[in-house]
Amino acid sequence: MHLPAPSHAYRRTRLENRFVLISGCSGGGKSTLLAELRARGYPVVEEPGRRIIAEEHASGGNALPWVDPAAFLRRAIDVAMKDMAMAEAHSGWVFFDRGLVDAASALEALTGEPVLRPICSDHRYHVRVFMTPPWPEIYVTDAERRHDFEAAMAEYQRLMEAFPMLGYDVISLPKIAPSKRSDFVLATLGGNPASID
């Protein structure tokens, strides 16, 4: 008996169930948490913004958040969509350091362009999104994170409105050691999703 191939909608739903987004306040420990998950053998997709900044510096480009924020955010949307497509090759959980909602909500807030719902309705992550809460005790700026803590807080508030509006269940990460945060994320997700290969 020959079974029909899974429909596009079915396949997309299976992918959504494996793509786990870690978002939240800048400087709240996302990258450290994701490094811990990577060390445990899980695929991790690096933050689009930091990769774009590195590429723009290397090429002398202007799509930087402090030079041309709209161009930077449009690139971040493009990179995040490509990241999701490339992550389809993995089975099991795939963890994303920020992603499409972060970039689209920022672009909409900056320009007023209604991009958030159209883009993010068609490209979705696991229904549970993990958010790093503001953590001023560990917040630092660097060459790629030039904004201050107040700007980080404004970003966090925007995301805390955007995710529920898009139907996501927002899970606040406890302020604990990275290994315990990883345990929390994996326990909250509960087991491995079935492979779609």
Protein backbone atom coordinates (compact mmCIF):
# COMPACT_ATOMS: atom_id res chain seq x y z
CA MET A 1 0.00 0.00 0.00
CA HIS A 2 1.39 3.41 -1.00
CA LEU A 3 0.74 6.22 1.46
CA PRO A 4 0.47 9.77 0.14
CA ALA A 5 3.25 12.21 1.03
CA PRO A 6 2.50 14.45 4.00
CA SER A 7 0.77 17.67 3.03
CA HIS A 8 2.67 20.95 3.18
CA ALA A 9 0.52 22.07 6.13
CA TYR A 10 1.21 18.83 8.02
CA ARG A 11 4.94 19.08 7.36
CA ARG A 12 5.00 22.72 8.41
CA THR A 13 3.20 21.90 11.67
CA ARG A 14 5.74 19.17 12.44
CA LEU A 15 8.57 21.65 11.85
CA GLU A 16 6.93 24.26 14.06
CA ASN A 17 6.85 21.71 16.85
CA ARG A 18 10.66 21.29 16.68
CA PHE A 19 11.84 24.90 16.22
CA VAL A 20 12.27 26.39 19.69
CA LEU A 21 12.80 30.13 20.00
CA ILE A 22 14.82 31.71 22.80
CA SER A 23 14.08 35.44 22.87
CA GLY A 24 13.68 38.19 25.44
CA CYS A 25 15.66 41.00 26.94
CA SER A 26 19.10 41.74 25.50
CA GLY A 27 21.86 40.75 27.89
CA GLY A 28 19.59 38.32 29.73
CA GLY A 29 21.70 35.21 29.09
CA LYS A 30 20.30 33.85 25.80
CA SER A 31 23.66 33.16 24.20
CA THR A 32 24.98 31.46 27.33
CA LEU A 33 21.90 29.24 27.53
CA LEU A 34 22.20 28.33 23.85
CA ALA A 35 25.89 27.49 24.28
CA GLU A 36 24.86 25.08 27.03
CA LEU A 37 22.21 23.48 24.78
CA ARG A 38 24.78 23.15 21.98
CA ALA A 39 27.21 21.49 24.40
CA ARG A 40 24.48 18.93 25.09
CA GLY A 41 24.34 18.09 21.38
CA TYR A 42 21.35 20.14 20.23
CA PRO A 43 21.48 22.14 16.99
CA VAL A 44 21.56 25.89 17.69
CA VAL A 45 20.93 28.70 15.21
CA GLU A 46 22.93 31.83 16.03
CA GLU A 47 21.25 35.22 16.38
CA PRO A 48 20.70 36.82 12.94
CA GLY A 49 21.61 40.30 14.15
CA ARG A 50 25.11 39.50 15.32
CA ARG A 51 25.89 37.65 12.08
CA ILE A 52 24.63 40.58 10.00
CA ILE A 53 26.72 43.06 12.00
CA ALA A 54 29.83 40.94 11.48
CA GLU A 55 29.14 40.69 7.71
CA GLU A 56 28.45 44.42 7.38
CA HIS A 57 31.65 45.31 9.23
CA ALA A 58 33.63 42.94 6.99
CA SER A 59 32.12 44.33 3.78
CA GLY A 60 31.89 47.98 4.82
CA GLY A 61 28.10 47.86 4.53
CA ASN A 62 25.58 50.17 6.18
CA ALA A 63 22.87 47.69 7.25
CA LEU A 64 23.76 48.24 10.91
CA PRO A 65 21.25 48.98 13.67
CA TRP A 66 22.96 52.29 14.52
CA VAL A 67 23.37 53.38 10.86
CA ASP A 68 20.35 52.11 8.88
CA PRO A 69 18.07 50.22 11.29
CA ALA A 70 15.35 49.51 8.70
CA ALA A 71 17.85 47.91 6.29
CA PHE A 72 19.33 45.94 9.19
CA LEU A 73 15.88 44.63 10.23
CA ARG A 74 14.90 43.69 6.67
CA ARG A 75 18.11 41.68 6.41
CA ALA A 76 17.36 40.08 9.80
CA ILE A 77 13.93 38.97 8.54
CA ASP A 78 15.53 37.46 5.42
CA VAL A 79 18.24 35.70 7.45
CA ALA A 80 15.70 34.34 9.96
CA MET A 81 13.54 32.90 7.17
CA LYS A 82 16.59 31.26 5.57
CA ASP A 83 17.62 29.90 8.99
CA MET A 84 14.24 28.22 9.38
CA ALA A 85 14.49 26.67 5.91
CA MET A 86 17.99 25.35 6.59
CA ALA A 87 16.96 23.99 10.00
CA GLU A 88 14.50 21.64 8.30
CA ALA A 89 17.47 19.32 7.69
CA HIS A 90 17.69 18.58 11.44
CA SER A 91 15.45 16.15 13.27
CA GLY A 92 14.56 16.73 16.89
CA TRP A 93 14.75 20.06 18.69
CA VAL A 94 16.44 23.01 16.99
CA PHE A 95 17.04 26.07 19.19
CA PHE A 96 17.04 29.59 17.75
CA ASP A 97 18.76 32.62 19.30
CA ARG A 98 16.13 35.21 18.41
CA GLY A 99 14.39 34.97 15.07
CA LEU A 100 11.66 36.17 12.79
CA VAL A 101 9.28 37.65 15.38
CA ASP A 102 12.08 39.71 16.94
CA ALA A 103 13.02 41.28 13.60
CA ALA A 104 9.49 41.72 12.20
CA SER A 105 8.13 43.29 15.38
CA ALA A 106 11.08 45.70 15.50
CA LEU A 107 10.63 46.67 11.83
CA GLU A 108 6.90 47.25 12.34
CA ALA A 109 7.58 49.39 15.43
CA LEU A 110 10.25 51.39 13.57
CA THR A 111 8.51 51.98 10.23
CA GLY A 112 4.82 51.31 10.83
CA GLU A 113 4.86 48.71 8.03
CA PRO A 114 2.33 45.95 8.91
CA VAL A 115 4.79 43.07 8.50
CA LEU A 116 4.51 41.19 11.79
CA ARG A 117 1.30 39.19 11.31
CA PRO A 118 1.68 38.37 7.59
CA ILE A 119 5.26 37.13 7.89
CA CYS A 120 5.01 35.44 11.28
CA SER A 121 1.70 33.68 10.61
CA ASP A 122 3.27 31.70 7.77
CA HIS A 123 6.60 30.98 9.50
CA ARG A 124 6.14 29.72 13.03
CA TYR A 125 8.17 28.28 15.88
CA HIS A 126 7.16 25.90 18.67
CA VAL A 127 4.15 27.31 20.51
CA ARG A 128 6.24 27.73 23.67
CA VAL A 129 8.69 30.61 23.38
CA PHE A 130 11.28 31.01 26.12
CA MET A 131 11.97 34.59 27.20
CA THR A 132 14.99 35.86 29.10
CA PRO A 133 13.67 38.46 31.54
CA PRO A 134 15.51 41.72 32.21
CA TRP A 135 18.60 40.94 34.28
CA PRO A 136 20.46 44.20 34.97
CA GLU A 137 23.09 42.46 37.10
CA ILE A 138 24.53 40.67 34.06
CA TYR A 139 23.72 43.23 31.34
CA VAL A 140 26.75 44.49 29.42
CA THR A 141 27.23 46.34 26.14
CA ASP A 142 29.81 45.34 23.55
CA ALA A 143 30.81 46.17 19.97
CA GLU A 144 27.60 44.60 18.65
CA ARG A 145 25.25 45.48 21.53
CA ARG A 146 25.54 49.24 21.77
CA HIS A 147 22.08 50.04 23.14
CA ASP A 148 21.59 50.75 26.82
CA PHE A 149 19.49 48.81 29.32
CA GLU A 150 16.48 51.12 28.83
CA ALA A 151 16.43 50.29 25.11
CA ALA A 152 16.74 46.59 25.99
CA MET A 153 13.72 46.95 28.29
CA ALA A 154 11.67 48.64 25.54
CA GLU A 155 12.55 45.78 23.18
CA TYR A 156 11.52 43.25 25.82
CA GLN A 157 8.14 44.94 26.38
CA ARG A 158 7.47 44.99 22.63
CA LEU A 159 8.21 41.26 22.39
CA MET A 160 6.07 40.47 25.44
CA GLU A 161 3.14 41.99 23.52
CA ALA A 162 4.00 40.50 20.11
CA PHE A 163 4.36 36.83 21.05
CA PRO A 164 0.97 36.37 22.78
CA MET A 165 -0.71 38.36 19.98
CA LEU A 166 0.69 35.76 17.54
CA GLY A 167 -0.64 32.87 19.65
CA TYR A 168 2.58 31.89 21.42
CA ASP A 169 2.77 30.68 25.01
CA VAL A 170 5.49 32.81 26.63
CA ILE A 171 7.63 31.02 29.23
CA SER A 172 9.82 33.27 31.37
CA LEU A 173 13.23 31.75 32.04
CA PRO A 174 14.28 31.69 35.69
CA LYS A 175 17.41 33.62 36.67
CA ILE A 176 19.52 30.56 37.41
CA ALA A 177 22.77 28.99 36.18
CA PRO A 178 22.92 28.09 32.45
CA SER A 179 22.94 24.32 33.12
CA LYS A 180 19.80 24.63 35.24
CA ARG A 181 18.19 26.89 32.66
CA SER A 182 18.85 24.22 30.03
CA ASP A 183 17.28 21.60 32.30
CA PHE A 184 14.26 23.90 32.69
CA VAL A 185 13.85 24.38 28.93
CA LEU A 186 14.12 20.67 28.16
CA ALA A 187 11.79 19.69 31.00
CA THR A 188 9.23 22.27 29.86
CA LEU A 189 9.37 20.94 26.30
CA GLY A 190 9.02 17.39 27.61
CA GLY A 191 10.89 14.79 25.60
CA ASN A 192 12.05 14.68 22.00
CA PRO A 193 9.69 15.25 19.09
CA ALA A 194 9.53 12.46 16.55
CA SER A 195 11.82 12.75 13.57
CA ILE A 196 10.18 13.98 10.37
CA ASP A 197 12.85 12.48 8.11
